[in-house]
C-alpha atoms as a PDB file:
ATOM      1  CA  MET A   1       1.180 -10.351   0.750  1.00  0.00           C
ATOM      2  CA  THR A   2       4.908  -9.723   0.492  1.00  0.00           C
ATOM      3  CA  ALA A   3       5.644 -13.312   1.503  1.00  0.00           C
ATOM      4  CA  LEU A   4       3.348 -14.593  -1.237  1.00  0.00           C
ATOM      5  CA  ILE A   5       5.081 -12.418  -3.819  1.00  0.00           C
ATOM      6  CA  ALA A   6       8.493 -13.633  -2.656  1.00  0.00           C
ATOM      7  CA  LEU A   7       7.264 -17.235  -2.786  1.00  0.00           C
ATOM      8  CA  MET A   8       6.151 -16.773  -6.405  1.00  0.00           C
ATOM      9  CA  PHE A   9       9.576 -15.471  -7.420  1.00  0.00           C
ATOM     10  CA  VAL A  10      11.442 -18.195  -5.501  1.00  0.00           C
ATOM     11  CA  LEU A  11       9.324 -20.929  -7.080  1.00  0.00           C
ATOM     12  CA  ALA A  12       9.884 -19.390 -10.519  1.00  0.00           C
ATOM     13  CA  ALA A  13      13.640 -19.419  -9.907  1.00  0.00           C
ATOM     14  CA  CYS A  14      13.476 -23.070  -8.833  1.00  0.00           C
ATOM     15  CA  CYS A  15      11.534 -23.999 -11.973  1.00  0.00           C
ATOM     16  CA  LEU A  16      14.044 -22.164 -14.158  1.00  0.00           C
ATOM     17  CA  LEU A  17      16.927 -23.883 -12.401  1.00  0.00           C
ATOM     18  CA  LEU A  18      15.349 -27.312 -12.859  1.00  0.00           C
ATOM     19  CA  ALA A  19      14.641 -26.548 -16.526  1.00  0.00           C
ATOM     20  CA  CYS A  20      18.329 -25.757 -17.082  1.00  0.00           C
ATOM     21  CA  VAL A  21      19.513 -29.060 -15.605  1.00  0.00           C
ATOM     22  CA  ASP A  22      19.967 -32.099 -17.871  1.00  0.00           C
ATOM     23  CA  GLN A  23      16.607 -33.871 -17.613  1.00  0.00           C
ATOM     24  CA  ARG A  24      18.111 -37.332 -18.013  1.00  0.00           C
ATOM     25  CA  LYS A  25      20.493 -36.754 -15.091  1.00  0.00           C
ATOM     26  CA  LEU A  26      17.616 -35.342 -13.093  1.00  0.00           C
ATOM     27  CA  TYR A  27      15.646 -38.534 -13.723  1.00  0.00           C
ATOM     28  CA  TRP A  28      18.534 -40.739 -12.642  1.00  0.00           C
ATOM     29  CA  LYS A  29      19.158 -38.693  -9.475  1.00  0.00           C
ATOM     30  CA  THR A  30      15.559 -38.315  -8.358  1.00  0.00           C
ATOM     31  CA  GLY A  31      13.212 -40.836  -9.955  1.00  0.00           C
ATOM     32  CA  ALA A  32      15.079 -43.931 -11.081  1.00  0.00           C
ATOM     33  CA  TRP A  33      15.264 -45.411  -7.588  1.00  0.00           C
ATOM     34  CA  GLN A  34      11.521 -46.118  -7.681  1.00  0.00           C
ATOM     35  CA  TYR A  35      11.856 -48.873 -10.268  1.00  0.00           C
ATOM     36  CA  ARG A  36      13.376 -52.334 -10.080  1.00  0.00           C
ATOM     37  CA  ASN A  37      14.671 -51.926 -13.640  1.00  0.00           C
ATOM     38  CA  PRO A  38      15.210 -48.155 -14.125  1.00  0.00           C
ATOM     39  CA  GLU A  39      16.647 -48.496 -17.655  1.00  0.00           C
ATOM     40  CA  ALA A  40      13.415 -50.086 -18.860  1.00  0.00           C
ATOM     41  CA  ASN A  41      11.341 -47.288 -17.325  1.00  0.00           C
ATOM     42  CA  GLU A  42      13.473 -44.371 -18.461  1.00  0.00           C
ATOM     43  CA  PRO A  43      11.323 -41.694 -20.169  1.00  0.00           C
ATOM     44  CA  SER A  44      11.832 -40.935 -23.843  1.00  0.00           C
ATOM     45  CA  ASP A  45      13.571 -37.846 -25.183  1.00  0.00           C
ATOM     46  CA  THR A  46      10.161 -36.385 -26.007  1.00  0.00           C
ATOM     47  CA  ALA A  47       9.026 -36.861 -22.407  1.00  0.00           C
ATOM     48  CA  PHE A  48      12.155 -35.081 -21.178  1.00  0.00           C
ATOM     49  CA  ALA A  49      11.500 -32.205 -23.608  1.00  0.00           C
ATOM     50  CA  VAL A  50       7.874 -31.924 -22.474  1.00  0.00           C
ATOM     51  CA  HIS A  51       9.013 -31.915 -18.846  1.00  0.00           C
ATOM     52  CA  ARG A  52      11.527 -29.138 -19.555  1.00  0.00           C
ATOM     53  CA  ALA A  53       8.905 -27.121 -21.464  1.00  0.00           C
ATOM     54  CA  SER A  54       6.402 -27.505 -18.634  1.00  0.00           C
ATOM     55  CA  LEU A  55       9.011 -26.252 -16.155  1.00  0.00           C
ATOM     56  CA  LEU A  56       9.688 -23.207 -18.336  1.00  0.00           C
ATOM     57  CA  ILE A  57       5.978 -22.481 -18.777  1.00  0.00           C
ATOM     58  CA  GLY A  58       5.458 -22.863 -15.032  1.00  0.00           C
ATOM     59  CA  ALA A  59       8.330 -20.466 -14.326  1.00  0.00           C
ATOM     60  CA  VAL A  60       6.908 -17.865 -16.700  1.00  0.00           C
ATOM     61  CA  MET A  61       3.448 -18.216 -15.158  1.00  0.00           C
ATOM     62  CA  LEU A  62       4.865 -17.840 -11.652  1.00  0.00           C
ATOM     63  CA  LEU A  63       6.784 -14.725 -12.708  1.00  0.00           C
ATOM     64  CA  VAL A  64       3.667 -13.207 -14.261  1.00  0.00           C
ATOM     65  CA  MET A  65       1.646 -13.994 -11.133  1.00  0.00           C
ATOM     66  CA  GLY A  66       4.381 -12.482  -8.965  1.00  0.00           C
ATOM     67  CA  PHE A  67       4.371  -9.237 -10.939  1.00  0.00           C
ATOM     68  CA  ILE A  68       0.565  -9.093 -10.921  1.00  0.00           C
ATOM     69  CA  LEU A  69       0.524  -9.548  -7.149  1.00  0.00           C
ATOM     70  CA  LYS A  70       3.275  -6.963  -6.746  1.00  0.00           C
ATOM     71  CA  GLY A  71       1.253  -4.461  -8.760  1.00  0.00           C
ATOM     72  CA  ALA A  72      -1.870  -5.210  -6.746  1.00  0.00           C
ATOM     73  CA  ASP A  73       0.084  -4.836  -3.517  1.00  0.00           C
ATOM     74  CA  ASN A  74       1.463  -1.444  -4.558  1.00  0.00           C
ATOM     75  CA  SER A  75      -1.953  -0.161  -5.603  1.00  0.00           C
ATOM     76  CA  ARG A  76      -3.226  -0.654  -2.057  1.00  0.00           C
ATOM     77  CA  TYR A  77      -1.171   2.338  -0.928  1.00  0.00           C
ATOM     78  CA  TYR A  78      -2.252   5.864  -1.758  1.00  0.00           C
ATOM     79  CA  SER A  79      -0.191   7.967  -4.139  1.00  0.00           C
ATOM     80  CA  THR A  80       0.750  11.568  -3.410  1.00  0.00           C
ATOM     81  CA  ALA A  81      -2.229  12.772  -5.437  1.00  0.00           C
ATOM     82  CA  GLN A  82      -4.601  10.567  -3.447  1.00  0.00           C
ATOM     83  CA  VAL A  83      -3.137  11.690  -0.104  1.00  0.00           C
ATOM     84  CA  ARG A  84      -3.401  15.310  -1.281  1.00  0.00           C
ATOM     85  CA  SER A  85      -7.051  14.829  -2.270  1.00  0.00           C
ATOM     86  CA  VAL A  86      -7.800  13.396   1.188  1.00  0.00           C
ATOM     87  CA  ALA A  87      -6.063  16.423   2.727  1.00  0.00           C
ATOM     88  CA  TYR A  88      -8.150  18.815   0.609  1.00  0.00           C
ATOM     89  CA  ALA A  89     -11.355  16.958   1.477  1.00  0.00           C
ATOM     90  CA  ALA A  90     -10.504  17.020   5.188  1.00  0.00           C
ATOM     91  CA  ALA A  91      -9.577  20.716   4.938  1.00  0.00           C
ATOM     92  CA  SER A  92     -12.867  21.492   3.246  1.00  0.00           C
ATOM     93  CA  GLU A  93     -14.757  19.621   5.953  1.00  0.00           C
ATOM     94  CA  LEU A  94     -12.861  21.520   8.655  1.00  0.00           C
ATOM     95  CA  ASP A  95     -13.445  24.856   6.882  1.00  0.00           C
ATOM     96  CA  ARG A  96     -17.191  24.219   6.871  1.00  0.00           C
ATOM     97  CA  GLY A  97     -17.357  23.845  10.611  1.00  0.00           C
ATOM     98  CA  SER A  98     -17.237  26.852  12.865  1.00  0.00           C
ATOM     99  CA  ARG A  99     -18.166  26.274  16.463  1.00  0.00           C
ATOM    100  CA  THR A 100     -20.220  28.756  18.391  1.00  0.00           C
ATOM    101  CA  GLY A 101     -21.421  29.209  21.909  1.00  0.00           C
ATOM    102  CA  LEU A 102     -20.216  30.604  25.189  1.00  0.00           C
ATOM    103  CA  GLY A 103     -17.234  28.592  26.325  1.00  0.00           C
ATOM    104  CA  SER A 104     -17.493  26.130  23.452  1.00  0.00           C
ATOM    105  CA  SER A 105     -14.368  24.107  23.123  1.00  0.00           C
ATOM    106  CA  TYR A 106     -12.828  23.476  19.760  1.00  0.00           C
ATOM    107  CA  ARG A 107     -10.367  20.629  19.555  1.00  0.00           C
ATOM    108  CA  ALA A 108      -8.700  21.029  16.188  1.00  0.00           C
ATOM    109  CA  GLY A 109      -6.490  17.978  16.622  1.00  0.00           C
ATOM    110  CA  SER A 110      -9.229  15.446  17.145  1.00  0.00           C
ATOM    111  CA  ASP A 111     -11.331  17.025  14.397  1.00  0.00           C
ATOM    112  CA  VAL A 112      -8.405  16.740  11.973  1.00  0.00           C
ATOM    113  CA  PHE A 113      -7.873  13.088  12.847  1.00  0.00           C
ATOM    114  CA  ASP A 114     -11.603  12.386  12.500  1.00  0.00           C
ATOM    115  CA  ALA A 115     -11.875  14.210   9.166  1.00  0.00           C
ATOM    116  CA  VAL A 116      -8.842  12.432   7.702  1.00  0.00           C
ATOM    117  CA  GLN A 117     -10.075   9.026   8.867  1.00  0.00           C
ATOM    118  CA  GLU A 118     -13.485   9.703   7.363  1.00  0.00           C
ATOM    119  CA  GLU A 119     -12.124  10.948   4.040  1.00  0.00           C
ATOM    120  CA  GLY A 120      -9.198   8.516   3.773  1.00  0.00           C
ATOM    121  CA  ASN A 121     -11.020   5.305   4.703  1.00  0.00           C
ATOM    122  CA  GLY A 122      -8.108   4.250   6.897  1.00  0.00           C
ATOM    123  CA  ASN A 123      -5.586   4.513   4.048  1.00  0.00           C
ATOM    124  CA  VAL A 124      -4.029   7.759   5.275  1.00  0.00           C
ATOM    125  CA  ARG A 125      -2.045   8.250   8.472  1.00  0.00           C
ATOM    126  CA  VAL A 126      -1.936  11.530  10.382  1.00  0.00           C
ATOM    127  CA  ARG A 127       0.941  12.759  12.526  1.00  0.00           C
ATOM    128  CA  ARG A 128       1.120  16.011  14.465  1.00  0.00           C
ATOM    129  CA  ALA A 129       3.999  18.056  13.142  1.00  0.00           C
ATOM    130  CA  GLY A 130       3.888  21.103  15.351  1.00  0.00           C
ATOM    131  CA  SER A 131       1.534  23.920  16.144  1.00  0.00           C
ATOM    132  CA  GLY A 132      -1.496  23.449  13.923  1.00  0.00           C
ATOM    133  CA  LYS A 133       0.420  21.340  11.411  1.00  0.00           C
ATOM    134  CA  TYR A 134      -0.442  17.760  10.531  1.00  0.00           C
ATOM    135  CA  GLU A 135       1.510  15.510   8.218  1.00  0.00           C
ATOM    136  CA  LEU A 136      -0.584  13.112   6.166  1.00  0.00           C
ATOM    137  CA  THR A 137       1.018  10.064   4.552  1.00  0.00           C
ATOM    138  CA  ASN A 138      -0.146   6.803   3.053  1.00  0.00           C
ATOM    139  CA  ARG A 139      -0.134   3.651   5.187  1.00  0.00           C
ATOM    140  CA  LYS A 140       3.531   3.036   4.368  1.00  0.00           C
ATOM    141  CA  GLY A 141       4.453   6.487   5.672  1.00  0.00           C
ATOM    142  CA  LYS A 142       5.313   7.763   2.190  1.00  0.00           C
ATOM    143  CA  ASN A 143       3.941  10.564  -0.018  1.00  0.00           C
ATOM    144  CA  PRO A 144       3.694  13.248   2.692  1.00  0.00           C
ATOM    145  CA  VAL A 145       1.336  16.207   2.516  1.00  0.00           C
ATOM    146  CA  CYS A 146       1.185  18.984   5.120  1.00  0.00           C
ATOM    147  CA  LEU A 147      -2.203  20.157   6.383  1.00  0.00           C
ATOM    148  CA  THR A 148      -2.113  23.397   8.368  1.00  0.00           C
ATOM    149  CA  VAL A 149      -5.106  24.309  10.525  1.00  0.00           C
ATOM    150  CA  THR A 150      -5.452  27.762  12.061  1.00  0.00           C
ATOM    151  CA  VAL A 151      -8.185  28.423  14.608  1.00  0.00           C
ATOM    152  CA  ASP A 152      -9.179  31.991  15.439  1.00  0.00           C
ATOM    153  CA  ASN A 153     -10.573  32.104  18.989  1.00  0.00           C
ATOM    154  CA  LYS A 154     -10.923  35.877  19.245  1.00  0.00           C
ATOM    155  CA  LEU A 155     -13.856  37.410  21.034  1.00  0.00           C
ATOM    156  CA  ARG A 156     -15.887  39.497  18.585  1.00  0.00           C
ATOM    157  CA  LEU A 157     -17.837  42.087  20.539  1.00  0.00           C
ATOM    158  CA  GLY A 158     -20.647  43.848  18.791  1.00  0.00           C
ATOM    159  CA  GLY A 159     -21.581  40.910  16.593  1.00  0.00           C
ATOM    160  CA  SER A 160     -24.498  38.548  16.871  1.00  0.00           C
ATOM    161  CA  ASP A 161     -22.219  35.689  17.942  1.00  0.00           C
ATOM    162  CA  PRO A 162     -19.196  36.940  19.877  1.00  0.00           C
ATOM    163  CA  TRP A 163     -17.882  33.442  20.730  1.00  0.00           C
ATOM    164  CA  SER A 164     -17.487  31.987  17.247  1.00  0.00           C
ATOM    165  CA  HIS A 165     -14.363  30.193  16.088  1.00  0.00           C
ATOM    166  CA  SER A 166     -13.164  30.704  12.566  1.00  0.00           C
ATOM    167  CA  ILE A 167     -11.066  27.963  11.013  1.00  0.00           C
ATOM    168  CA  SER A 168      -8.731  28.286   8.066  1.00  0.00           C
ATOM    169  CA  THR A 169      -6.761  25.486   6.459  1.00  0.00           C
ATOM    170  CA  SER A 170      -4.049  25.100   3.865  1.00  0.00           C
ATOM    171  CA  VAL A 171      -2.513  22.086   2.151  1.00  0.00           C
ATOM    172  CA  ASP A 172       1.129  21.975   1.037  1.00  0.00           C
ATOM    173  CA  GLU A 173       3.220  19.319  -0.694  1.00  0.00           C
ATOM    174  CA  GLY A 174       5.939  17.540   1.259  1.00  0.00           C
ATOM    175  CA  THR A 175       6.680  17.244   4.934  1.00  0.00           C
ATOM    176  CA  CYS A 176       5.693  19.903   7.438  1.00  0.00           C
END
């Protein structure tokens, strides 16, 4: 997409450059060779003006298309608010789950990655940033949000389910 945007701007610059050149000289340098008698086939002043105007209109259209594509390209990447909302949604999904059972294993890391992928639709990247900390960014690696996951694996004697895991999460702005 970036190459297409760059192509639009380069073509617009070429059109502007050609519009600034004397159209009569441009005809004699590029098109007159095609005719046996170039003086008899030389375009009128009106034709040169129309050609210049069409180059200017084409340049403006290419610039507009370039900016539209640039805006569309930038909107593909999540903003900080969108990354934060994915982090909150993943945190809420993790908070809902508490694993029970004798010897049940809880793998917070893989659950975090799964929850973020599910909530972010592939638009959010996750990176481990230490003990229980995960840094979420958009696909460009910008707009970081820190998701902290704490798992309590304590044995609770006297309760109905002594082997339960409690999970708590928090979301903070910026890097971890």
